PDB file of N, CA and C in Angstrom:
ATOM      1  N   UNK A   1     104.123  84.682 125.337  1.00  0.00           N
ATOM      2  CA  UNK A   1     103.500  86.008 125.086  1.00  0.00           C
ATOM      3  C   UNK A   1     103.659  86.355 123.629  1.00  0.00           C
ATOM      4  N   UNK A   2     102.667  87.013 123.095  1.00  0.00           N
ATOM      5  CA  UNK A   2     102.641  87.417 121.696  1.00  0.00           C
ATOM      6  C   UNK A   2     102.748  88.946 121.507  1.00  0.00           C
ATOM      7  N   UNK A   3     103.405  89.315 120.493  1.00  0.00           N
ATOM      8  CA  UNK A   3     103.409  90.734 120.019  1.00  0.00           C
ATOM      9  C   UNK A   3     102.183  90.831 119.185  1.00  0.00           C
ATOM     10  N   UNK A   4     101.468  91.981 119.301  1.00  0.00           N
ATOM     11  CA  UNK A   4     100.220  92.191 118.546  1.00  0.00           C
ATOM     12  C   UNK A   4     100.345  93.417 117.613  1.00  0.00           C
ATOM     13  N   UNK A   5      99.586  93.311 116.537  1.00  0.00           N
ATOM     14  CA  UNK A   5      99.528  94.411 115.600  1.00  0.00           C
ATOM     15  C   UNK A   5      98.050  94.621 115.302  1.00  0.00           C
ATOM     16  N   UNK A   6      97.519  95.868 115.500  1.00  0.00           N
ATOM     17  CA  UNK A   6      96.127  96.177 115.188  1.00  0.00           C
ATOM     18  C   UNK A   6      96.157  97.145 113.986  1.00  0.00           C
ATOM     19  N   UNK A   7      95.293  96.849 113.046  1.00  0.00           N
ATOM     20  CA  UNK A   7      95.108  97.792 111.892  1.00  0.00           C
ATOM     21  C   UNK A   7      93.650  98.181 111.866  1.00  0.00           C
ATOM     22  N   UNK A   8      93.400  99.462 112.017  1.00  0.00           N
ATOM     23  CA  UNK A   8      92.018 100.002 112.147  1.00  0.00           C
ATOM     24  C   UNK A   8      91.419 100.062 110.767  1.00  0.00           C
ATOM     25  N   UNK A   9      90.242  99.408 110.608  1.00  0.00           N
ATOM     26  CA  UNK A   9      89.547  99.325 109.335  1.00  0.00           C
ATOM     27  C   UNK A   9      88.382 100.332 109.236  1.00  0.00           C
ATOM     28  N   UNK A  10      87.661 100.452 110.289  1.00  0.00           N
ATOM     29  CA  UNK A  10      86.438 101.320 110.327  1.00  0.00           C
ATOM     30  C   UNK A  10      86.153 101.854 111.705  1.00  0.00           C
ATOM     31  N   UNK A  11      85.716 103.061 111.796  1.00  0.00           N
ATOM     32  CA  UNK A  11      85.241 103.684 113.046  1.00  0.00           C
ATOM     33  C   UNK A  11      86.426 104.310 113.778  1.00  0.00           C
ATOM     34  N   UNK A  12      86.130 104.808 114.984  1.00  0.00           N
ATOM     35  CA  UNK A  12      87.140 105.433 115.857  1.00  0.00           C
ATOM     36  C   UNK A  12      87.028 104.805 117.239  1.00  0.00           C
ATOM     37  N   UNK A  13      88.153 104.909 117.897  1.00  0.00           N
ATOM     38  CA  UNK A  13      88.236 104.408 119.304  1.00  0.00           C
ATOM     39  C   UNK A  13      89.392 104.962 120.015  1.00  0.00           C
ATOM     40  N   UNK A  14      89.638 104.438 121.166  1.00  0.00           N
ATOM     41  CA  UNK A  14      90.761 104.869 122.000  1.00  0.00           C
ATOM     42  C   UNK A  14      91.588 103.679 122.292  1.00  0.00           C
ATOM     43  N   UNK A  15      92.867 103.684 121.957  1.00  0.00           N
ATOM     44  CA  UNK A  15      93.808 102.616 122.228  1.00  0.00           C
ATOM     45  C   UNK A  15      94.686 103.002 123.414  1.00  0.00           C
ATOM     46  N   UNK A  16      94.695 102.154 124.405  1.00  0.00           N
ATOM     47  CA  UNK A  16      95.595 102.459 125.552  1.00  0.00           C
ATOM     48  C   UNK A  16      96.654 101.318 125.682  1.00  0.00           C
ATOM     49  N   UNK A  17      97.923 101.710 125.726  1.00  0.00           N
ATOM     50  CA  UNK A  17      99.032 100.814 125.918  1.00  0.00           C
ATOM     51  C   UNK A  17      99.800 101.319 127.077  1.00  0.00           C
ATOM     52  N   UNK A  18      99.895 100.417 128.160  1.00  0.00           N
ATOM     53  CA  UNK A  18     100.713 100.804 129.303  1.00  0.00           C
ATOM     54  C   UNK A  18     100.306 102.137 129.911  1.00  0.00           C
ATOM     55  N   UNK A  19      99.011 102.480 129.914  1.00  0.00           N
ATOM     56  CA  UNK A  19      98.567 103.750 130.526  1.00  0.00           C
ATOM     57  C   UNK A  19      98.549 104.930 129.585  1.00  0.00           C
ATOM     58  N   UNK A  20      99.087 104.809 128.362  1.00  0.00           N
ATOM     59  CA  UNK A  20      99.147 105.992 127.434  1.00  0.00           C
ATOM     60  C   UNK A  20      98.029 105.747 126.407  1.00  0.00           C
ATOM     61  N   UNK A  21      97.105 106.721 126.289  1.00  0.00           N
ATOM     62  CA  UNK A  21      95.988 106.648 125.410  1.00  0.00           C
ATOM     63  C   UNK A  21      96.139 107.512 124.130  1.00  0.00           C
ATOM     64  N   UNK A  22      95.562 107.019 123.016  1.00  0.00           N
ATOM     65  CA  UNK A  22      95.523 107.709 121.795  1.00  0.00           C
ATOM     66  C   UNK A  22      94.236 107.415 121.046  1.00  0.00           C
ATOM     67  N   UNK A  23      93.674 108.358 120.374  1.00  0.00           N
ATOM     68  CA  UNK A  23      92.554 108.145 119.484  1.00  0.00           C
ATOM     69  C   UNK A  23      93.080 107.441 118.252  1.00  0.00           C
ATOM     70  N   UNK A  24      92.308 106.416 117.819  1.00  0.00           N
ATOM     71  CA  UNK A  24      92.667 105.666 116.630  1.00  0.00           C
ATOM     72  C   UNK A  24      91.538 105.795 115.571  1.00  0.00           C
ATOM     73  N   UNK A  25      91.870 105.683 114.347  1.00  0.00           N
ATOM     74  CA  UNK A  25      90.889 105.855 113.238  1.00  0.00           C
ATOM     75  C   UNK A  25      91.363 104.966 112.068  1.00  0.00           C
ATOM     76  N   UNK A  26      90.525 104.833 110.951  1.00  0.00           N
ATOM     77  CA  UNK A  26      90.863 103.999 109.890  1.00  0.00           C
ATOM     78  C   UNK A  26      92.200 104.390 109.246  1.00  0.00           C
ATOM     79  N   UNK A  27      93.004 103.366 108.987  1.00  0.00           N
ATOM     80  CA  UNK A  27      94.344 103.529 108.411  1.00  0.00           C
ATOM     81  C   UNK A  27      95.401 103.505 109.442  1.00  0.00           C
ATOM     82  N   UNK A  28      95.044 103.636 110.729  1.00  0.00           N
ATOM     83  CA  UNK A  28      96.081 103.601 111.833  1.00  0.00           C
ATOM     84  C   UNK A  28      96.563 102.170 111.983  1.00  0.00           C
ATOM     85  N   UNK A  29      97.829 102.032 112.297  1.00  0.00           N
ATOM     86  CA  UNK A  29      98.469 100.759 112.653  1.00  0.00           C
ATOM     87  C   UNK A  29      99.090 100.842 113.993  1.00  0.00           C
ATOM     88  N   UNK A  30      98.772  99.936 114.864  1.00  0.00           N
ATOM     89  CA  UNK A  30      99.294  99.937 116.261  1.00  0.00           C
ATOM     90  C   UNK A  30     100.068  98.723 116.566  1.00  0.00           C
ATOM     91  N   UNK A  31     101.357  98.879 117.085  1.00  0.00           N
ATOM     92  CA  UNK A  31     102.145  97.781 117.459  1.00  0.00           C
ATOM     93  C   UNK A  31     102.043  97.662 118.992  1.00  0.00           C
ATOM     94  N   UNK A  32     101.761  96.509 119.536  1.00  0.00           N
ATOM     95  CA  UNK A  32     101.677  96.256 120.913  1.00  0.00           C
ATOM     96  C   UNK A  32     102.753  95.248 121.265  1.00  0.00           C
ATOM     97  N   UNK A  33     103.830  95.723 121.879  1.00  0.00           N
ATOM     98  CA  UNK A  33     104.929  94.774 122.240  1.00  0.00           C
ATOM     99  C   UNK A  33     104.468  93.652 123.209  1.00  0.00           C
ATOM    100  N   UNK A  34     105.047  92.532 123.085  1.00  0.00           N
ATOM    101  CA  UNK A  34     104.724  91.410 123.938  1.00  0.00           C
ATOM    102  C   UNK A  34     104.849  91.796 125.443  1.00  0.00           C
ATOM    103  N   UNK A  35     103.833  91.458 126.224  1.00  0.00           N
ATOM    104  CA  UNK A  35     103.847  91.700 127.601  1.00  0.00           C
ATOM    105  C   UNK A  35     103.334  93.040 128.055  1.00  0.00           C
ATOM    106  N   UNK A  36     102.978  93.924 127.109  1.00  0.00           N
ATOM    107  CA  UNK A  36     102.433  95.274 127.468  1.00  0.00           C
ATOM    108  C   UNK A  36     100.918  95.174 127.646  1.00  0.00           C
ATOM    109  N   UNK A  37     100.416  95.838 128.745  1.00  0.00           N
ATOM    110  CA  UNK A  37      98.979  95.791 128.965  1.00  0.00           C
ATOM    111  C   UNK A  37      98.355  96.784 127.984  1.00  0.00           C
ATOM    112  N   UNK A  38      97.159  96.427 127.511  1.00  0.00           N
ATOM    113  CA  UNK A  38      96.476  97.238 126.496  1.00  0.00           C
ATOM    114  C   UNK A  38      94.981  96.993 126.514  1.00  0.00           C
ATOM    115  N   UNK A  39      94.253  98.046 126.034  1.00  0.00           N
ATOM    116  CA  UNK A  39      92.817  97.964 125.799  1.00  0.00           C
ATOM    117  C   UNK A  39      92.464  98.775 124.603  1.00  0.00           C
ATOM    118  N   UNK A  40      91.427  98.459 123.954  1.00  0.00           N
ATOM    119  CA  UNK A  40      90.864  99.352 122.881  1.00  0.00           C
ATOM    120  C   UNK A  40      89.384  99.470 123.153  1.00  0.00           C
ATOM    121  N   UNK A  41      88.958 100.742 123.078  1.00  0.00           N
ATOM    122  CA  UNK A  41      87.526 101.088 123.412  1.00  0.00           C
ATOM    123  C   UNK A  41      86.960 101.797 122.187  1.00  0.00           C
ATOM    124  N   UNK A  42      85.808 101.352 121.743  1.00  0.00           N
ATOM    125  CA  UNK A  42      85.147 101.883 120.615  1.00  0.00           C
ATOM    126  C   UNK A  42      84.428 103.178 121.011  1.00  0.00           C
ATOM    127  N   UNK A  43      84.502 104.170 120.135  1.00  0.00           N
ATOM    128  CA  UNK A  43      83.719 105.414 120.273  1.00  0.00           C
ATOM    129  C   UNK A  43      82.431 105.292 119.461  1.00  0.00           C
ATOM    130  N   UNK A  44      82.471 104.461 118.437  1.00  0.00           N
ATOM    131  CA  UNK A  44      81.386 104.113 117.494  1.00  0.00           C
ATOM    132  C   UNK A  44      81.701 102.700 116.990  1.00  0.00           C
ATOM    133  N   UNK A  45      80.928 102.185 116.056  1.00  0.00           N
ATOM    134  CA  UNK A  45      81.278 100.885 115.517  1.00  0.00           C
ATOM    135  C   UNK A  45      82.760 100.854 115.111  1.00  0.00           C
ATOM    136  N   UNK A  46      83.490  99.875 115.625  1.00  0.00           N
ATOM    137  CA  UNK A  46      84.901  99.801 115.365  1.00  0.00           C
ATOM    138  C   UNK A  46      85.286  98.371 114.851  1.00  0.00           C
ATOM    139  N   UNK A  47      85.928  98.360 113.734  1.00  0.00           N
ATOM    140  CA  UNK A  47      86.410  97.112 113.113  1.00  0.00           C
ATOM    141  C   UNK A  47      87.945  97.245 112.958  1.00  0.00           C
ATOM    142  N   UNK A  48      88.633  96.200 113.406  1.00  0.00           N
ATOM    143  CA  UNK A  48      90.092  96.266 113.224  1.00  0.00           C
ATOM    144  C   UNK A  48      90.614  94.829 113.014  1.00  0.00           C
ATOM    145  N   UNK A  49      91.721  94.741 112.346  1.00  0.00           N
ATOM    146  CA  UNK A  49      92.415  93.463 112.140  1.00  0.00           C
ATOM    147  C   UNK A  49      93.458  93.287 113.212  1.00  0.00           C
ATOM    148  N   UNK A  50      93.528  92.154 113.860  1.00  0.00           N
ATOM    149  CA  UNK A  50      94.484  91.889 114.884  1.00  0.00           C
ATOM    150  C   UNK A  50      95.327  90.713 114.472  1.00  0.00           C
ATOM    151  N   UNK A  51      96.681  90.918 114.442  1.00  0.00           N
ATOM    152  CA  UNK A  51      97.670  89.863 114.102  1.00  0.00           C
ATOM    153  C   UNK A  51      98.540  89.669 115.211  1.00  0.00           C
ATOM    154  N   UNK A  52      98.845  88.431 115.571  1.00  0.00           N
ATOM    155  CA  UNK A  52      99.757  88.145 116.695  1.00  0.00           C
ATOM    156  C   UNK A  52     100.888  87.229 116.225  1.00  0.00           C
ATOM    157  N   UNK A  53     102.049  87.434 116.821  1.00  0.00           N
ATOM    158  CA  UNK A  53     103.221  86.607 116.528  1.00  0.00           C
ATOM    159  C   UNK A  53     104.021  86.488 117.785  1.00  0.00           C
ATOM    160  N   UNK A  54     104.330  85.221 118.194  1.00  0.00           N
ATOM    161  CA  UNK A  54     103.783  84.012 117.654  1.00  0.00           C
ATOM    162  C   UNK A  54     102.279  83.969 117.869  1.00  0.00           C
ATOM    163  N   UNK A  55     101.615  82.998 117.295  1.00  0.00           N
ATOM    164  CA  UNK A  55     100.128  82.927 117.375  1.00  0.00           C
ATOM    165  C   UNK A  55      99.607  83.026 118.813  1.00  0.00           C
ATOM    166  N   UNK A  56      98.520  83.705 118.961  1.00  0.00           N
ATOM    167  CA  UNK A  56      97.874  83.957 120.248  1.00  0.00           C
ATOM    168  C   UNK A  56      97.432  82.632 120.832  1.00  0.00           C
ATOM    169  N   UNK A  57      97.556  82.579 122.166  1.00  0.00           N
ATOM    170  CA  UNK A  57      97.054  81.458 122.920  1.00  0.00           C
ATOM    171  C   UNK A  57      96.277  82.006 124.053  1.00  0.00           C
ATOM    172  N   UNK A  58      95.139  81.366 124.414  1.00  0.00           N
ATOM    173  CA  UNK A  58      94.298  81.815 125.505  1.00  0.00           C
ATOM    174  C   UNK A  58      94.976  82.095 126.844  1.00  0.00           C
ATOM    175  N   UNK A  59      96.057  81.326 127.059  1.00  0.00           N
ATOM    176  CA  UNK A  59      96.820  81.488 128.314  1.00  0.00           C
ATOM    177  C   UNK A  59      97.552  82.786 128.373  1.00  0.00           C
ATOM    178  N   UNK A  60      97.658  83.536 127.238  1.00  0.00           N
ATOM    179  CA  UNK A  60      98.368  84.787 127.173  1.00  0.00           C
ATOM    180  C   UNK A  60      97.434  85.917 127.761  1.00  0.00           C
ATOM    181  N   UNK A  61      96.142  85.634 127.939  1.00  0.00           N
ATOM    182  CA  UNK A  61      95.235  86.679 128.385  1.00  0.00           C
ATOM    183  C   UNK A  61      95.084  86.715 129.902  1.00  0.00           C
ATOM    184  N   UNK A  62      95.077  87.817 130.506  1.00  0.00           N
ATOM    185  CA  UNK A  62      94.750  87.896 131.938  1.00  0.00           C
ATOM    186  C   UNK A  62      94.050  89.233 132.175  1.00  0.00           C
ATOM    187  N   UNK A  63      93.232  89.268 133.161  1.00  0.00           N
ATOM    188  CA  UNK A  63      92.401  90.463 133.541  1.00  0.00           C
ATOM    189  C   UNK A  63      92.757  90.871 134.985  1.00  0.00           C
ATOM    190  N   UNK A  64      92.845  92.143 135.164  1.00  0.00           N
ATOM    191  CA  UNK A  64      93.163  92.639 136.503  1.00  0.00           C
ATOM    192  C   UNK A  64      91.804  92.971 137.207  1.00  0.00           C
TER     193      UNK A  64
END
């Protein structure tokens, strides 16, 4: 499992981590601890940088 870091570059959206939601906008930085469920939903065009440590592997992704 990877820890993830999102940095919002453009637009706004809603970030949900383990059922808690917050509006995100340019300049926001979000840490997603390894193993936590999360989604990000755009309200408009949304660009963000995603960094993972250790590097992301497709086996880390699952859908309910």
